Amino acid sequence: MNNNLSNEQIAHDLAVAVVSAKISKKAYISSDISVITAYEDAYSDFLRLLNKIRTVR
């Protein structure tokens, strides 16, 4: 695994991918708070998991 990227950067990249996939499935895309909330939720979940698995080694 490439350890040059921080957990925060990896979590951000994954969160953006998840939110982008969700948005691409919608017929109508609104610019409301749900997009930000989806990003924040995905980011925190990924960061928690990354911190757990990358500090065990």
PDB file of N, CA and C in Angstrom:
ATOM      1  N   MET A   1       0.841  -1.182   0.000  1.00  0.00           N
ATOM      2  CA  MET A   1       0.000   0.000   0.000  1.00  0.00           C
ATOM      3  C   MET A   1       0.885   1.245   0.000  1.00  0.00           C
ATOM      4  N   ASN A   2       0.467   2.257  -0.732  1.00  0.00           N
ATOM      5  CA  ASN A   2       1.207   3.505  -0.803  1.00  0.00           C
ATOM      6  C   ASN A   2       0.906   4.337   0.439  1.00  0.00           C
ATOM      7  N   ASN A   3       1.883   4.450   1.330  1.00  0.00           N
ATOM      8  CA  ASN A   3       1.694   5.200   2.569  1.00  0.00           C
ATOM      9  C   ASN A   3       2.052   6.668   2.421  1.00  0.00           C
ATOM     10  N   ASN A   4       2.294   7.137   1.207  1.00  0.00           N
ATOM     11  CA  ASN A   4       2.620   8.539   0.999  1.00  0.00           C
ATOM     12  C   ASN A   4       1.398   9.438   1.135  1.00  0.00           C
ATOM     13  N   LEU A   5       0.219   8.903   0.960  1.00  0.00           N
ATOM     14  CA  LEU A   5      -1.001   9.679   1.114  1.00  0.00           C
ATOM     15  C   LEU A   5      -1.479   9.595   2.559  1.00  0.00           C
ATOM     16  N   SER A   6      -1.962  10.715   3.066  1.00  0.00           N
ATOM     17  CA  SER A   6      -2.476  10.715   4.427  1.00  0.00           C
ATOM     18  C   SER A   6      -3.853  10.049   4.472  1.00  0.00           C
ATOM     19  N   ASN A   7      -4.233   9.600   5.646  1.00  0.00           N
ATOM     20  CA  ASN A   7      -5.568   9.027   5.818  1.00  0.00           C
ATOM     21  C   ASN A   7      -6.642  10.043   5.443  1.00  0.00           C
ATOM     22  N   GLU A   8      -6.396  11.306   5.770  1.00  0.00           N
ATOM     23  CA  GLU A   8      -7.362  12.357   5.459  1.00  0.00           C
ATOM     24  C   GLU A   8      -7.548  12.511   3.952  1.00  0.00           C
ATOM     25  N   GLN A   9      -6.450  12.445   3.198  1.00  0.00           N
ATOM     26  CA  GLN A   9      -6.546  12.579   1.741  1.00  0.00           C
ATOM     27  C   GLN A   9      -7.260  11.384   1.132  1.00  0.00           C
ATOM     28  N   ILE A  10      -6.951  10.192   1.606  1.00  0.00           N
ATOM     29  CA  ILE A  10      -7.616   8.988   1.092  1.00  0.00           C
ATOM     30  C   ILE A  10      -9.106   9.038   1.417  1.00  0.00           C
ATOM     31  N   ALA A  11      -9.449   9.412   2.648  1.00  0.00           N
ATOM     32  CA  ALA A  11     -10.860   9.504   3.046  1.00  0.00           C
ATOM     33  C   ALA A  11     -11.586  10.537   2.192  1.00  0.00           C
ATOM     34  N   HIS A  12     -10.935  11.653   1.927  1.00  0.00           N
ATOM     35  CA  HIS A  12     -11.532  12.686   1.072  1.00  0.00           C
ATOM     36  C   HIS A  12     -11.797  12.137  -0.330  1.00  0.00           C
ATOM     37  N   ASP A  13     -10.801  11.500  -0.916  1.00  0.00           N
ATOM     38  CA  ASP A  13     -10.948  10.964  -2.271  1.00  0.00           C
ATOM     39  C   ASP A  13     -12.076   9.940  -2.347  1.00  0.00           C
ATOM     40  N   LEU A  14     -12.146   9.066  -1.360  1.00  0.00           N
ATOM     41  CA  LEU A  14     -13.205   8.058  -1.341  1.00  0.00           C
ATOM     42  C   LEU A  14     -14.578   8.696  -1.137  1.00  0.00           C
ATOM     43  N   ALA A  15     -14.662   9.681  -0.261  1.00  0.00           N
ATOM     44  CA  ALA A  15     -15.935  10.364  -0.019  1.00  0.00           C
ATOM     45  C   ALA A  15     -16.420  11.076  -1.273  1.00  0.00           C
ATOM     46  N   VAL A  16     -15.510  11.722  -1.984  1.00  0.00           N
ATOM     47  CA  VAL A  16     -15.876  12.388  -3.236  1.00  0.00           C
ATOM     48  C   VAL A  16     -16.389  11.364  -4.242  1.00  0.00           C
ATOM     49  N   ALA A  17     -15.752  10.221  -4.322  1.00  0.00           N
ATOM     50  CA  ALA A  17     -16.193   9.172  -5.252  1.00  0.00           C
ATOM     51  C   ALA A  17     -17.591   8.676  -4.903  1.00  0.00           C
ATOM     52  N   VAL A  18     -17.848   8.468  -3.612  1.00  0.00           N
ATOM     53  CA  VAL A  18     -19.164   7.984  -3.181  1.00  0.00           C
ATOM     54  C   VAL A  18     -20.246   9.010  -3.493  1.00  0.00           C
ATOM     55  N   VAL A  19     -20.009  10.256  -3.147  1.00  0.00           N
ATOM     56  CA  VAL A  19     -21.006  11.303  -3.390  1.00  0.00           C
ATOM     57  C   VAL A  19     -21.205  11.508  -4.892  1.00  0.00           C
ATOM     58  N   SER A  20     -20.137  11.455  -5.658  1.00  0.00           N
ATOM     59  CA  SER A  20     -20.260  11.587  -7.112  1.00  0.00           C
ATOM     60  C   SER A  20     -21.108  10.469  -7.697  1.00  0.00           C
ATOM     61  N   ALA A  21     -20.913   9.260  -7.203  1.00  0.00           N
ATOM     62  CA  ALA A  21     -21.710   8.122  -7.687  1.00  0.00           C
ATOM     63  C   ALA A  21     -23.185   8.302  -7.331  1.00  0.00           C
ATOM     64  N   LYS A  22     -23.446   8.792  -6.126  1.00  0.00           N
ATOM     65  CA  LYS A  22     -24.839   9.031  -5.725  1.00  0.00           C
ATOM     66  C   LYS A  22     -25.479  10.110  -6.590  1.00  0.00           C
ATOM     67  N   ILE A  23     -24.728  11.179  -6.851  1.00  0.00           N
ATOM     68  CA  ILE A  23     -25.266  12.278  -7.655  1.00  0.00           C
ATOM     69  C   ILE A  23     -25.515  11.825  -9.086  1.00  0.00           C
ATOM     70  N   SER A  24     -24.639  11.015  -9.637  1.00  0.00           N
ATOM     71  CA  SER A  24     -24.785  10.593 -11.031  1.00  0.00           C
ATOM     72  C   SER A  24     -26.012   9.710 -11.239  1.00  0.00           C
ATOM     73  N   LYS A  25     -26.516   9.120 -10.179  1.00  0.00           N
ATOM     74  CA  LYS A  25     -27.708   8.271 -10.288  1.00  0.00           C
ATOM     75  C   LYS A  25     -29.003   9.072 -10.207  1.00  0.00           C
ATOM     76  N   LYS A  26     -28.920  10.338  -9.810  1.00  0.00           N
ATOM     77  CA  LYS A  26     -30.113  11.176  -9.677  1.00  0.00           C
ATOM     78  C   LYS A  26     -30.444  11.833 -11.004  1.00  0.00           C
ATOM     79  N   ALA A  27     -31.751  11.897 -11.297  1.00  0.00           N
ATOM     80  CA  ALA A  27     -32.190  12.579 -12.510  1.00  0.00           C
ATOM     81  C   ALA A  27     -32.134  14.091 -12.311  1.00  0.00           C
ATOM     82  N   TYR A  28     -32.450  14.530 -11.102  1.00  0.00           N
ATOM     83  CA  TYR A  28     -32.436  15.955 -10.796  1.00  0.00           C
ATOM     84  C   TYR A  28     -31.450  16.192  -9.668  1.00  0.00           C
ATOM     85  N   ILE A  29     -30.472  17.022  -9.910  1.00  0.00           N
ATOM     86  CA  ILE A  29     -29.452  17.309  -8.907  1.00  0.00           C
ATOM     87  C   ILE A  29     -29.704  18.694  -8.332  1.00  0.00           C
ATOM     88  N   SER A  30     -29.963  18.727  -7.050  1.00  0.00           N
ATOM     89  CA  SER A  30     -30.161  20.015  -6.394  1.00  0.00           C
ATOM     90  C   SER A  30     -28.922  20.348  -5.574  1.00  0.00           C
ATOM     91  N   SER A  31     -28.690  21.606  -5.390  1.00  0.00           N
ATOM     92  CA  SER A  31     -27.525  22.029  -4.610  1.00  0.00           C
ATOM     93  C   SER A  31     -27.975  22.365  -3.196  1.00  0.00           C
ATOM     94  N   ASP A  32     -28.407  21.331  -2.491  1.00  0.00           N
ATOM     95  CA  ASP A  32     -28.849  21.554  -1.122  1.00  0.00           C
ATOM     96  C   ASP A  32     -27.874  20.921  -0.136  1.00  0.00           C
ATOM     97  N   ILE A  33     -28.209  21.004   1.107  1.00  0.00           N
ATOM     98  CA  ILE A  33     -27.319  20.553   2.180  1.00  0.00           C
ATOM     99  C   ILE A  33     -27.105  19.043   2.164  1.00  0.00           C
ATOM    100  N   SER A  34     -27.955  18.299   1.505  1.00  0.00           N
ATOM    101  CA  SER A  34     -27.822  16.836   1.505  1.00  0.00           C
ATOM    102  C   SER A  34     -26.517  16.375   0.858  1.00  0.00           C
ATOM    103  N   VAL A  35     -26.028  17.116  -0.113  1.00  0.00           N
ATOM    104  CA  VAL A  35     -24.760  16.757  -0.757  1.00  0.00           C
ATOM    105  C   VAL A  35     -23.611  16.917   0.237  1.00  0.00           C
ATOM    106  N   ILE A  36     -23.634  18.001   0.984  1.00  0.00           N
ATOM    107  CA  ILE A  36     -22.584  18.241   1.980  1.00  0.00           C
ATOM    108  C   ILE A  36     -22.669  17.214   3.096  1.00  0.00           C
ATOM    109  N   THR A  37     -23.868  16.917   3.537  1.00  0.00           N
ATOM    110  CA  THR A  37     -24.059  15.928   4.597  1.00  0.00           C
ATOM    111  C   THR A  37     -23.587  14.553   4.144  1.00  0.00           C
ATOM    112  N   ALA A  38     -23.893  14.190   2.907  1.00  0.00           N
ATOM    113  CA  ALA A  38     -23.451  12.898   2.375  1.00  0.00           C
ATOM    114  C   ALA A  38     -21.929  12.824   2.345  1.00  0.00           C
ATOM    115  N   TYR A  39     -21.286  13.915   1.932  1.00  0.00           N
ATOM    116  CA  TYR A  39     -19.826  13.959   1.915  1.00  0.00           C
ATOM    117  C   TYR A  39     -19.266  13.826   3.328  1.00  0.00           C
ATOM    118  N   GLU A  40     -19.791  14.606   4.261  1.00  0.00           N
ATOM    119  CA  GLU A  40     -19.298  14.575   5.641  1.00  0.00           C
ATOM    120  C   GLU A  40     -19.460  13.190   6.262  1.00  0.00           C
ATOM    121  N   ASP A  41     -20.593  12.560   6.009  1.00  0.00           N
ATOM    122  CA  ASP A  41     -20.831  11.211   6.540  1.00  0.00           C
ATOM    123  C   ASP A  41     -19.837  10.209   5.955  1.00  0.00           C
ATOM    124  N   ALA A  42     -19.683  10.242   4.642  1.00  0.00           N
ATOM    125  CA  ALA A  42     -18.769   9.303   3.986  1.00  0.00           C
ATOM    126  C   ALA A  42     -17.331   9.561   4.430  1.00  0.00           C
ATOM    127  N   TYR A  43     -16.942  10.830   4.497  1.00  0.00           N
ATOM    128  CA  TYR A  43     -15.578  11.180   4.908  1.00  0.00           C
ATOM    129  C   TYR A  43     -15.287  10.668   6.313  1.00  0.00           C
ATOM    130  N   SER A  44     -16.178  10.918   7.247  1.00  0.00           N
ATOM    131  CA  SER A  44     -15.922  10.498   8.630  1.00  0.00           C
ATOM    132  C   SER A  44     -15.888   8.980   8.752  1.00  0.00           C
ATOM    133  N   ASP A  45     -16.748   8.295   8.009  1.00  0.00           N
ATOM    134  CA  ASP A  45     -16.733   6.825   8.037  1.00  0.00           C
ATOM    135  C   ASP A  45     -15.418   6.279   7.476  1.00  0.00           C
ATOM    136  N   PHE A  46     -15.008   6.803   6.327  1.00  0.00           N
ATOM    137  CA  PHE A  46     -13.756   6.335   5.732  1.00  0.00           C
ATOM    138  C   PHE A  46     -12.551   6.676   6.595  1.00  0.00           C
ATOM    139  N   LEU A  47     -12.525   7.868   7.164  1.00  0.00           N
ATOM    140  CA  LEU A  47     -11.389   8.261   7.997  1.00  0.00           C
ATOM    141  C   LEU A  47     -11.302   7.385   9.241  1.00  0.00           C
ATOM    142  N   ARG A  48     -12.429   7.087   9.844  1.00  0.00           N
ATOM    143  CA  ARG A  48     -12.440   6.207  11.024  1.00  0.00           C
ATOM    144  C   ARG A  48     -11.887   4.834  10.667  1.00  0.00           C
ATOM    145  N   LEU A  49     -12.337   4.288   9.548  1.00  0.00           N
ATOM    146  CA  LEU A  49     -11.856   2.970   9.119  1.00  0.00           C
ATOM    147  C   LEU A  49     -10.373   2.992   8.772  1.00  0.00           C
ATOM    148  N   LEU A  50      -9.946   4.014   8.059  1.00  0.00           N
ATOM    149  CA  LEU A  50      -8.533   4.117   7.692  1.00  0.00           C
ATOM    150  C   LEU A  50      -7.643   4.256   8.922  1.00  0.00           C
ATOM    151  N   ASN A  51      -8.056   5.062   9.865  1.00  0.00           N
ATOM    152  CA  ASN A  51      -7.270   5.223  11.087  1.00  0.00           C
ATOM    153  C   ASN A  51      -7.183   3.908  11.853  1.00  0.00           C
ATOM    154  N   LYS A  52      -8.236   3.137  11.790  1.00  0.00           N
ATOM    155  CA  LYS A  52      -8.251   1.843  12.481  1.00  0.00           C
ATOM    156  C   LYS A  52      -7.318   0.852  11.805  1.00  0.00           C
ATOM    157  N   ILE A  53      -7.414   0.722  10.486  1.00  0.00           N
ATOM    158  CA  ILE A  53      -6.628  -0.316   9.803  1.00  0.00           C
ATOM    159  C   ILE A  53      -5.182   0.099   9.553  1.00  0.00           C
ATOM    160  N   ARG A  54      -4.913   1.377   9.421  1.00  0.00           N
ATOM    161  CA  ARG A  54      -3.550   1.809   9.105  1.00  0.00           C
ATOM    162  C   ARG A  54      -2.701   2.016  10.351  1.00  0.00           C
ATOM    163  N   THR A  55      -3.282   2.002  11.538  1.00  0.00           N
ATOM    164  CA  THR A  55      -2.478   2.126  12.761  1.00  0.00           C
ATOM    165  C   THR A  55      -2.237   0.775  13.410  1.00  0.00           C
ATOM    166  N   VAL A  56      -2.947  -0.253  12.940  1.00  0.00           N
ATOM    167  CA  VAL A  56      -2.790  -1.598  13.503  1.00  0.00           C
ATOM    168  C   VAL A  56      -1.452  -2.183  13.088  1.00  0.00           C
ATOM    169  N   ARG A  57      -1.001  -1.855  11.919  1.00  0.00           N
ATOM    170  CA  ARG A  57       0.242  -2.444  11.372  1.00  0.00           C
ATOM    171  C   ARG A  57       1.455  -2.032  12.123  1.00  0.00           C
TER     172      ARG A  57
END
